[in-house]
Amino acid sequence: MLASPVPDVVLSTRELIDSVLDKTKKGELVVTELADQLGARNADDSVTLLVGLSKTQMFANHFGVRRAIVDALIRLDRLSAVGELIRFLADVQGEARADILKYLAAVTGQHLLGDTKAWATWWRQNKDTFVLPPPGARGVVA
């Protein structure tokens, strides 16, 4: 339902996730597991579904959910995920942010550190021509 072409269905699904799962003890675990499974699925539509999850209050309220969604997008290693990860830089902190920055530096060769605006500018200027390098051709970031 998060991938529905009908905006009202997507919005209602996010509201359902927030009204039910965000208020239960196991809600964070359920959404974290969902993100993990979407990352393991290795399907193109997983990016869209993970982005949908990132627009929930679960993402805003729970570090584990943010980290799981970031991790899943990185594991998917899709061009469509790069822009989303750059967008996340404004909203995530700590280990999830460090994971994003490490991945972005490795796949882009750019060393813009944590400068959210610089990453957004770089993406606007390069997204139409950028190609993800194969894993063996990427930079190593410590």
Protein backbone atom coordinates (compact mmCIF):
# COMPACT_ATOMS: atom_id res chain seq x y z
CA MET A 1 0.00 0.00 0.00
CA LEU A 2 2.99 2.32 0.43
CA ALA A 3 3.71 1.86 -3.28
CA SER A 4 0.15 2.61 -4.41
CA PRO A 5 -0.21 5.08 -7.28
CA VAL A 6 -3.11 6.62 -5.33
CA PRO A 7 -1.75 9.33 -2.99
CA ASP A 8 -4.63 8.97 -0.52
CA VAL A 9 -3.86 5.27 -0.11
CA VAL A 10 -0.21 6.02 0.60
CA LEU A 11 -1.14 8.73 3.10
CA SER A 12 -3.68 6.48 4.83
CA THR A 13 -1.11 3.69 5.06
CA ARG A 14 1.43 6.00 6.68
CA GLU A 15 -1.24 7.23 9.10
CA LEU A 16 -2.12 3.63 9.96
CA ILE A 17 1.53 2.80 10.64
CA ASP A 18 1.82 5.84 12.89
CA SER A 19 -1.46 5.38 14.73
CA VAL A 20 -1.01 1.67 15.40
CA LEU A 21 2.66 0.70 15.31
CA ASP A 22 4.13 3.86 16.83
CA LYS A 23 2.03 3.29 19.93
CA THR A 24 2.87 -0.36 20.56
CA LYS A 25 5.88 -1.84 22.30
CA LYS A 26 6.76 -4.01 19.30
CA GLY A 27 5.98 -1.40 16.62
CA GLU A 28 9.59 -0.34 16.20
CA LEU A 29 10.63 -3.97 15.81
CA VAL A 30 7.94 -4.59 13.16
CA VAL A 31 8.95 -1.59 11.05
CA THR A 32 12.65 -2.32 11.50
CA GLU A 33 12.11 -5.89 10.31
CA LEU A 34 10.06 -4.64 7.36
CA ALA A 35 12.88 -2.30 6.34
CA ASP A 36 15.41 -5.12 6.70
CA GLN A 37 13.31 -7.42 4.52
CA LEU A 38 12.88 -4.71 1.86
CA GLY A 39 16.65 -4.23 1.78
CA ALA A 40 17.22 -7.97 1.45
CA ARG A 41 14.61 -8.25 -1.31
CA ASN A 42 16.91 -6.48 -3.75
CA ALA A 43 14.01 -5.19 -5.89
CA ASP A 44 13.70 -1.82 -7.58
CA ASP A 45 10.40 -0.99 -5.86
CA SER A 46 12.01 -1.48 -2.44
CA VAL A 47 13.43 2.05 -2.65
CA THR A 48 9.93 3.51 -3.08
CA LEU A 49 8.62 1.46 -0.16
CA LEU A 50 11.50 2.47 2.10
CA VAL A 51 11.05 6.13 1.19
CA GLY A 52 7.38 5.73 2.12
CA LEU A 53 8.39 4.37 5.49
CA SER A 54 10.76 7.30 5.96
CA LYS A 55 7.80 9.67 5.81
CA THR A 56 6.19 8.16 8.89
CA GLN A 57 6.42 9.33 12.48
CA MET A 58 8.08 5.97 13.17
CA PHE A 59 11.08 7.24 11.19
CA ALA A 60 11.07 10.54 13.07
CA ASN A 61 10.56 8.98 16.50
CA HIS A 62 12.75 5.88 16.50
CA PHE A 63 16.49 5.68 15.90
CA GLY A 64 16.26 1.95 15.13
CA VAL A 65 13.77 2.58 12.34
CA ARG A 66 15.92 5.36 10.84
CA ARG A 67 19.01 3.18 10.99
CA ALA A 68 17.21 0.18 9.45
CA ILE A 69 15.83 2.28 6.57
CA VAL A 70 19.22 3.87 5.89
CA ASP A 71 20.92 0.48 6.03
CA ALA A 72 18.35 -1.05 3.67
CA LEU A 73 18.75 1.76 1.12
CA ILE A 74 22.54 1.39 1.24
CA ARG A 75 22.30 -2.39 0.80
CA LEU A 76 19.98 -1.95 -2.18
CA ASP A 77 22.76 0.10 -3.80
CA ARG A 78 20.45 1.73 -6.34
CA LEU A 79 20.88 5.06 -8.07
CA SER A 80 17.37 5.99 -6.97
CA ALA A 81 18.46 5.59 -3.34
CA VAL A 82 21.37 8.05 -3.59
CA GLY A 83 19.18 11.15 -3.78
CA GLU A 84 17.03 9.88 -0.93
CA LEU A 85 20.06 9.27 1.26
CA ILE A 86 21.27 12.79 0.51
CA ARG A 87 17.81 14.09 1.47
CA PHE A 88 18.03 12.13 4.75
CA LEU A 89 21.21 13.98 5.75
CA ALA A 90 19.08 16.88 6.97
CA ASP A 91 17.07 14.60 9.26
CA VAL A 92 19.37 11.94 10.68
CA GLN A 93 22.20 12.09 13.18
CA GLY A 94 24.72 9.75 14.74
CA GLU A 95 25.48 6.35 13.28
CA ALA A 96 22.79 6.53 10.59
CA ARG A 97 24.26 9.81 9.32
CA ALA A 98 27.79 8.39 9.45
CA ASP A 99 26.64 5.36 7.42
CA ILE A 100 25.13 7.64 4.78
CA LEU A 101 28.23 9.83 4.55
CA LYS A 102 30.54 6.82 4.28
CA TYR A 103 28.42 5.31 1.49
CA LEU A 104 28.10 8.60 -0.41
CA ALA A 105 31.84 9.25 -0.27
CA ALA A 106 32.57 5.71 -1.49
CA VAL A 107 30.15 5.74 -4.43
CA THR A 108 30.64 9.36 -5.53
CA GLY A 109 34.30 9.97 -4.76
CA GLN A 110 33.23 13.26 -3.18
CA HIS A 111 34.45 14.27 0.25
CA LEU A 112 31.87 16.82 1.28
CA LEU A 113 31.83 15.54 4.85
CA GLY A 114 28.59 16.37 6.65
CA ASP A 115 27.76 19.44 4.59
CA THR A 116 24.10 18.80 3.78
CA LYS A 117 23.82 21.78 1.43
CA ALA A 118 26.97 20.81 -0.47
CA TRP A 119 25.65 17.27 -0.97
CA ALA A 120 22.26 18.58 -2.15
CA THR A 121 23.98 20.94 -4.59
CA TRP A 122 26.29 18.20 -5.85
CA TRP A 123 23.31 15.88 -6.43
CA ARG A 124 21.31 18.55 -8.30
CA GLN A 125 24.29 19.15 -10.57
CA ASN A 126 25.16 15.48 -11.16
CA LYS A 127 22.07 13.30 -10.78
CA ASP A 128 21.30 13.20 -14.51
CA THR A 129 24.76 11.90 -15.46
CA PHE A 130 25.89 10.07 -12.34
CA VAL A 131 26.41 6.32 -12.62
CA LEU A 132 27.01 4.12 -9.60
CA PRO A 133 30.44 2.55 -9.92
CA PRO A 134 30.67 -1.23 -9.49
CA PRO A 135 31.49 -2.21 -5.90
CA GLY A 136 35.10 -3.09 -6.75
CA ALA A 137 35.75 0.34 -8.28
CA ARG A 138 34.64 2.40 -5.29
CA GLY A 139 36.75 4.40 -2.96
CA VAL A 140 37.45 3.12 0.50
CA VAL A 141 36.34 5.43 3.26
CA ALA A 142 37.53 4.88 6.79
